[in-house]
Amino acid sequence: MRVSMTIASAALAAGLAASAQAQDPSYARNIAATCTPCHGTEGRSVGGIPPSLAGQSKDYLLQALKDFKEGKRAGTTIMHQHAKGYTDQQLELIAGYFSSMKAGPGAAAPAAR
């Protein structure tokens, strides 16, 4: 009985978390923010290395993220580690967020004072 209550509680908590994520319009932007140190603000990298994500096809980005997560893309730096930290649903949100951004040149960060 105790085990089934624990399982039911865990399932309810997971469902509530997913529901809260779906209701937060900023959730995709918030999780995509972890990509900005390398890929630039709104996915526009400075100088194109690493590549800009803004304006790329959602399907392409999602497949790339899944390939990183599954270790299918060789010669990468840290992307395989980043991608493993997300659920497939979160990867889909990240891909959708960057595909909705307008492509364009990245801007260098302002100099520290």
N, C-alpha and C. Protein backbone atom coordinates (compact mmCIF):
# COMPACT_ATOMS: atom_id res chain seq x y z
N MET A 1 0.82 -1.19 0.00
CA MET A 1 0.00 0.00 0.00
C MET A 1 0.86 1.25 0.00
N ARG A 2 1.90 1.23 0.84
CA ARG A 2 2.78 2.39 0.93
C ARG A 2 3.49 2.67 -0.39
N VAL A 3 3.93 1.59 -1.07
CA VAL A 3 4.63 1.73 -2.33
C VAL A 3 3.72 2.35 -3.38
N SER A 4 2.47 1.88 -3.44
CA SER A 4 1.55 2.43 -4.44
C SER A 4 1.21 3.89 -4.15
N MET A 5 1.16 4.29 -2.89
CA MET A 5 0.92 5.69 -2.55
C MET A 5 2.11 6.55 -2.95
N THR A 6 3.31 6.02 -2.77
CA THR A 6 4.52 6.75 -3.15
C THR A 6 4.56 6.93 -4.66
N ILE A 7 4.24 5.88 -5.39
CA ILE A 7 4.23 5.95 -6.86
C ILE A 7 3.16 6.93 -7.32
N ALA A 8 2.00 6.88 -6.73
CA ALA A 8 0.92 7.80 -7.09
C ALA A 8 1.31 9.24 -6.79
N SER A 9 1.96 9.47 -5.67
CA SER A 9 2.40 10.82 -5.31
C SER A 9 3.44 11.33 -6.30
N ALA A 10 4.37 10.48 -6.67
CA ALA A 10 5.41 10.88 -7.64
C ALA A 10 4.79 11.20 -8.99
N ALA A 11 3.84 10.39 -9.43
CA ALA A 11 3.17 10.64 -10.71
C ALA A 11 2.39 11.95 -10.67
N LEU A 12 1.73 12.23 -9.57
CA LEU A 12 0.98 13.47 -9.43
C LEU A 12 1.93 14.67 -9.46
N ALA A 13 3.04 14.58 -8.76
CA ALA A 13 4.02 15.68 -8.72
C ALA A 13 4.59 15.93 -10.11
N ALA A 14 4.91 14.86 -10.84
CA ALA A 14 5.44 15.02 -12.20
C ALA A 14 4.40 15.65 -13.11
N GLY A 15 3.17 15.25 -12.96
CA GLY A 15 2.09 15.84 -13.77
C GLY A 15 1.89 17.31 -13.47
N LEU A 16 1.95 17.67 -12.19
CA LEU A 16 1.80 19.08 -11.81
C LEU A 16 2.96 19.92 -12.32
N ALA A 17 4.17 19.37 -12.27
CA ALA A 17 5.35 20.11 -12.78
C ALA A 17 5.22 20.33 -14.28
N ALA A 18 4.80 19.30 -15.01
CA ALA A 18 4.64 19.44 -16.46
C ALA A 18 3.54 20.45 -16.77
N SER A 19 2.48 20.44 -15.99
CA SER A 19 1.39 21.39 -16.20
C SER A 19 1.86 22.81 -15.93
N ALA A 20 2.64 23.00 -14.89
CA ALA A 20 3.15 24.33 -14.57
C ALA A 20 4.07 24.83 -15.67
N GLN A 21 4.89 23.94 -16.23
CA GLN A 21 5.79 24.31 -17.31
C GLN A 21 4.99 24.72 -18.55
N ALA A 22 3.94 23.98 -18.85
CA ALA A 22 3.13 24.27 -20.02
C ALA A 22 2.40 25.60 -19.88
N GLN A 23 2.08 26.00 -18.66
CA GLN A 23 1.34 27.25 -18.44
C GLN A 23 2.24 28.47 -18.37
N ASP A 24 3.53 28.30 -18.21
CA ASP A 24 4.45 29.42 -18.09
C ASP A 24 4.96 29.81 -19.48
N PRO A 25 4.52 30.95 -20.00
CA PRO A 25 4.94 31.35 -21.35
C PRO A 25 6.43 31.66 -21.44
N SER A 26 7.08 31.87 -20.32
CA SER A 26 8.52 32.19 -20.32
C SER A 26 9.39 30.95 -20.12
N TYR A 27 8.79 29.81 -19.91
CA TYR A 27 9.55 28.61 -19.59
C TYR A 27 10.56 28.25 -20.68
N ALA A 28 10.12 28.26 -21.94
CA ALA A 28 11.04 27.93 -23.04
C ALA A 28 12.20 28.91 -23.08
N ARG A 29 11.92 30.18 -22.95
CA ARG A 29 12.98 31.19 -22.95
C ARG A 29 13.93 30.97 -21.78
N ASN A 30 13.37 30.63 -20.62
CA ASN A 30 14.19 30.45 -19.44
C ASN A 30 15.15 29.27 -19.57
N ILE A 31 14.68 28.16 -20.11
CA ILE A 31 15.59 27.03 -20.25
C ILE A 31 16.55 27.24 -21.42
N ALA A 32 16.13 27.97 -22.43
CA ALA A 32 17.02 28.28 -23.56
C ALA A 32 18.12 29.25 -23.15
N ALA A 33 17.91 29.98 -22.06
CA ALA A 33 18.90 30.95 -21.60
C ALA A 33 20.23 30.28 -21.25
N THR A 34 20.21 28.99 -20.94
CA THR A 34 21.46 28.30 -20.62
C THR A 34 22.34 28.17 -21.86
N CYS A 35 21.79 28.40 -23.03
CA CYS A 35 22.56 28.29 -24.28
C CYS A 35 23.26 29.60 -24.64
N THR A 36 22.82 30.70 -24.06
CA THR A 36 23.31 32.02 -24.49
C THR A 36 24.79 32.29 -24.21
N PRO A 37 25.41 31.73 -23.17
CA PRO A 37 26.83 32.03 -23.00
C PRO A 37 27.68 31.65 -24.21
N CYS A 38 27.31 30.59 -24.90
CA CYS A 38 28.07 30.17 -26.09
C CYS A 38 27.42 30.61 -27.39
N HIS A 39 26.10 30.44 -27.49
CA HIS A 39 25.40 30.69 -28.75
C HIS A 39 24.84 32.10 -28.86
N GLY A 40 25.07 32.94 -27.88
CA GLY A 40 24.68 34.34 -27.95
C GLY A 40 23.25 34.61 -27.52
N THR A 41 23.00 35.88 -27.26
CA THR A 41 21.67 36.32 -26.87
C THR A 41 20.68 35.97 -27.97
N GLU A 42 19.59 35.36 -27.59
CA GLU A 42 18.55 34.90 -28.51
C GLU A 42 19.09 34.00 -29.61
N GLY A 43 20.22 33.32 -29.31
CA GLY A 43 20.76 32.35 -30.26
C GLY A 43 21.57 32.93 -31.39
N ARG A 44 21.99 34.18 -31.27
CA ARG A 44 22.80 34.82 -32.32
C ARG A 44 24.24 34.91 -31.82
N SER A 45 25.08 33.98 -32.26
CA SER A 45 26.46 33.97 -31.78
C SER A 45 27.29 35.03 -32.50
N VAL A 46 28.32 35.48 -31.83
CA VAL A 46 29.23 36.48 -32.40
C VAL A 46 30.27 35.74 -33.22
N GLY A 47 30.36 36.07 -34.49
CA GLY A 47 31.36 35.44 -35.36
C GLY A 47 30.97 34.08 -35.89
N GLY A 48 29.82 33.58 -35.51
CA GLY A 48 29.34 32.30 -36.04
C GLY A 48 29.95 31.06 -35.43
N ILE A 49 30.80 31.21 -34.42
CA ILE A 49 31.38 30.05 -33.76
C ILE A 49 31.18 30.20 -32.27
N PRO A 50 30.48 29.31 -31.63
CA PRO A 50 29.69 28.23 -32.20
C PRO A 50 28.56 28.78 -33.07
N PRO A 51 27.90 27.91 -33.80
CA PRO A 51 26.89 28.40 -34.74
C PRO A 51 25.71 29.10 -34.08
N SER A 52 25.15 30.05 -34.80
CA SER A 52 23.93 30.71 -34.33
C SER A 52 22.77 29.72 -34.42
N LEU A 53 21.86 29.83 -33.48
CA LEU A 53 20.69 28.96 -33.45
C LEU A 53 19.44 29.69 -33.94
N ALA A 54 19.45 31.01 -33.83
CA ALA A 54 18.28 31.82 -34.18
C ALA A 54 17.89 31.61 -35.64
N GLY A 55 16.60 31.36 -35.83
CA GLY A 55 16.05 31.23 -37.17
C GLY A 55 16.27 29.88 -37.83
N GLN A 56 16.97 28.97 -37.16
CA GLN A 56 17.16 27.63 -37.73
C GLN A 56 15.83 26.88 -37.67
N SER A 57 15.69 25.87 -38.48
CA SER A 57 14.50 25.04 -38.50
C SER A 57 14.34 24.32 -37.16
N LYS A 58 13.12 24.32 -36.63
CA LYS A 58 12.86 23.63 -35.37
C LYS A 58 13.21 22.15 -35.49
N ASP A 59 12.84 21.53 -36.61
CA ASP A 59 13.12 20.11 -36.79
C ASP A 59 14.63 19.84 -36.79
N TYR A 60 15.38 20.71 -37.46
CA TYR A 60 16.84 20.55 -37.49
C TYR A 60 17.44 20.69 -36.09
N LEU A 61 17.03 21.74 -35.38
CA LEU A 61 17.56 21.97 -34.03
C LEU A 61 17.20 20.82 -33.10
N LEU A 62 15.96 20.37 -33.16
CA LEU A 62 15.52 19.28 -32.28
C LEU A 62 16.31 18.01 -32.57
N GLN A 63 16.50 17.69 -33.85
CA GLN A 63 17.26 16.49 -34.19
C GLN A 63 18.71 16.60 -33.72
N ALA A 64 19.30 17.79 -33.88
CA ALA A 64 20.67 18.00 -33.42
C ALA A 64 20.76 17.82 -31.91
N LEU A 65 19.81 18.39 -31.17
CA LEU A 65 19.82 18.25 -29.72
C LEU A 65 19.66 16.79 -29.29
N LYS A 66 18.77 16.07 -29.96
CA LYS A 66 18.58 14.65 -29.64
C LYS A 66 19.84 13.85 -29.97
N ASP A 67 20.49 14.20 -31.09
CA ASP A 67 21.73 13.51 -31.45
C ASP A 67 22.82 13.77 -30.42
N PHE A 68 22.91 15.00 -29.94
CA PHE A 68 23.87 15.30 -28.87
C PHE A 68 23.55 14.47 -27.64
N LYS A 69 22.29 14.44 -27.27
CA LYS A 69 21.86 13.74 -26.06
C LYS A 69 22.19 12.24 -26.14
N GLU A 70 22.04 11.68 -27.33
CA GLU A 70 22.26 10.24 -27.53
C GLU A 70 23.71 9.91 -27.89
N GLY A 71 24.58 10.94 -27.96
CA GLY A 71 25.98 10.71 -28.27
C GLY A 71 26.26 10.40 -29.72
N LYS A 72 25.36 10.80 -30.62
CA LYS A 72 25.50 10.49 -32.05
C LYS A 72 26.30 11.53 -32.83
N ARG A 73 26.61 12.67 -32.20
CA ARG A 73 27.37 13.71 -32.89
C ARG A 73 28.78 13.74 -32.32
N ALA A 74 29.72 13.30 -33.12
CA ALA A 74 31.11 13.24 -32.68
C ALA A 74 31.78 14.60 -32.85
N GLY A 75 32.88 14.79 -32.14
CA GLY A 75 33.68 15.99 -32.29
C GLY A 75 33.08 17.22 -31.65
N THR A 76 32.20 17.03 -30.70
CA THR A 76 31.59 18.19 -30.04
C THR A 76 32.34 18.51 -28.77
N THR A 77 32.05 19.65 -28.25
CA THR A 77 32.71 20.06 -27.02
C THR A 77 31.89 19.63 -25.81
N ILE A 78 30.96 20.46 -25.40
CA ILE A 78 30.22 20.20 -24.18
C ILE A 78 28.73 19.93 -24.45
N MET A 79 28.33 20.00 -25.69
CA MET A 79 26.91 19.88 -26.02
C MET A 79 26.29 18.56 -25.58
N HIS A 80 27.02 17.49 -25.67
CA HIS A 80 26.45 16.20 -25.27
C HIS A 80 26.11 16.21 -23.78
N GLN A 81 26.91 16.89 -22.98
CA GLN A 81 26.62 16.98 -21.55
C GLN A 81 25.41 17.88 -21.28
N HIS A 82 25.33 18.99 -21.99
CA HIS A 82 24.18 19.90 -21.81
C HIS A 82 22.88 19.20 -22.19
N ALA A 83 22.87 18.57 -23.36
CA ALA A 83 21.64 17.96 -23.87
C ALA A 83 21.13 16.85 -22.97
N LYS A 84 22.03 16.12 -22.34
CA LYS A 84 21.60 15.03 -21.45
C LYS A 84 20.86 15.54 -20.22
N GLY A 85 21.00 16.82 -19.92
CA GLY A 85 20.34 17.38 -18.75
C GLY A 85 18.89 17.78 -18.97
N TYR A 86 18.38 17.58 -20.17
CA TYR A 86 17.02 17.98 -20.50
C TYR A 86 16.17 16.80 -20.92
N THR A 87 14.88 16.90 -20.66
CA THR A 87 13.94 15.90 -21.16
C THR A 87 13.72 16.17 -22.65
N ASP A 88 13.13 15.22 -23.34
CA ASP A 88 12.83 15.43 -24.76
C ASP A 88 11.85 16.59 -24.94
N GLN A 89 10.91 16.73 -24.00
CA GLN A 89 9.95 17.84 -24.07
C GLN A 89 10.68 19.18 -23.93
N GLN A 90 11.65 19.25 -23.03
CA GLN A 90 12.41 20.49 -22.87
C GLN A 90 13.26 20.78 -24.10
N LEU A 91 13.84 19.74 -24.71
CA LEU A 91 14.61 19.95 -25.94
C LEU A 91 13.71 20.50 -27.04
N GLU A 92 12.48 20.01 -27.09
CA GLU A 92 11.54 20.51 -28.10
C GLU A 92 11.22 21.98 -27.85
N LEU A 93 11.07 22.36 -26.59
CA LEU A 93 10.81 23.77 -26.27
C LEU A 93 12.00 24.65 -26.64
N ILE A 94 13.20 24.18 -26.37
CA ILE A 94 14.41 24.94 -26.71
C ILE A 94 14.50 25.12 -28.22
N ALA A 95 14.29 24.04 -28.97
CA ALA A 95 14.35 24.11 -30.43
C ALA A 95 13.28 25.07 -30.96
N GLY A 96 12.09 25.01 -30.39
CA GLY A 96 11.02 25.92 -30.81
C GLY A 96 11.34 27.36 -30.50
N TYR A 97 11.94 27.60 -29.36
CA TYR A 97 12.29 28.96 -28.98
C TYR A 97 13.29 29.55 -29.97
N PHE A 98 14.37 28.85 -30.23
CA PHE A 98 15.39 29.40 -31.12
C PHE A 98 14.91 29.49 -32.57
N SER A 99 14.06 28.57 -32.99
CA SER A 99 13.55 28.66 -34.36
C SER A 99 12.64 29.87 -34.54
N SER A 100 12.07 30.34 -33.43
CA SER A 100 11.18 31.51 -33.52
C SER A 100 11.93 32.84 -33.46
N MET A 101 13.22 32.78 -33.15
CA MET A 101 14.03 34.01 -33.09
C MET A 101 14.45 34.42 -34.50
N LYS A 102 14.53 35.71 -34.71
CA LYS A 102 14.96 36.24 -36.01
C LYS A 102 16.47 36.05 -36.15
N ALA A 103 16.89 35.48 -37.26
CA ALA A 103 18.31 35.30 -37.51
C ALA A 103 18.95 36.67 -37.73
N GLY A 104 20.22 36.77 -37.38
CA GLY A 104 20.94 38.01 -37.56
C GLY A 104 22.27 37.95 -36.85
N PRO A 105 23.06 38.99 -37.00
CA PRO A 105 24.38 38.98 -36.36
C PRO A 105 24.27 39.11 -34.85
N GLY A 106 25.18 38.48 -34.16
CA GLY A 106 25.24 38.60 -32.71
C GLY A 106 25.97 39.86 -32.31
N ALA A 107 25.70 40.31 -31.14
CA ALA A 107 26.39 41.51 -30.60
C ALA A 107 27.32 41.08 -29.49
N ALA A 108 28.51 41.66 -29.50
CA ALA A 108 29.47 41.34 -28.45
C ALA A 108 28.95 41.86 -27.12
N ALA A 109 29.29 41.15 -26.07
CA ALA A 109 28.89 41.59 -24.73
C ALA A 109 29.58 42.90 -24.39
N PRO A 110 28.92 43.76 -23.62
CA PRO A 110 29.57 45.01 -23.23
C PRO A 110 30.79 44.75 -22.34
N ALA A 111 31.75 45.61 -22.43
CA ALA A 111 32.97 45.46 -21.64
C ALA A 111 32.65 45.62 -20.16
N ALA A 112 33.35 44.85 -19.34
CA ALA A 112 33.17 44.94 -17.90
C ALA A 112 33.75 46.26 -17.41
N ARG A 113 33.16 46.80 -16.38
CA ARG A 113 33.65 48.07 -15.82
C ARG A 113 34.48 47.86 -14.62
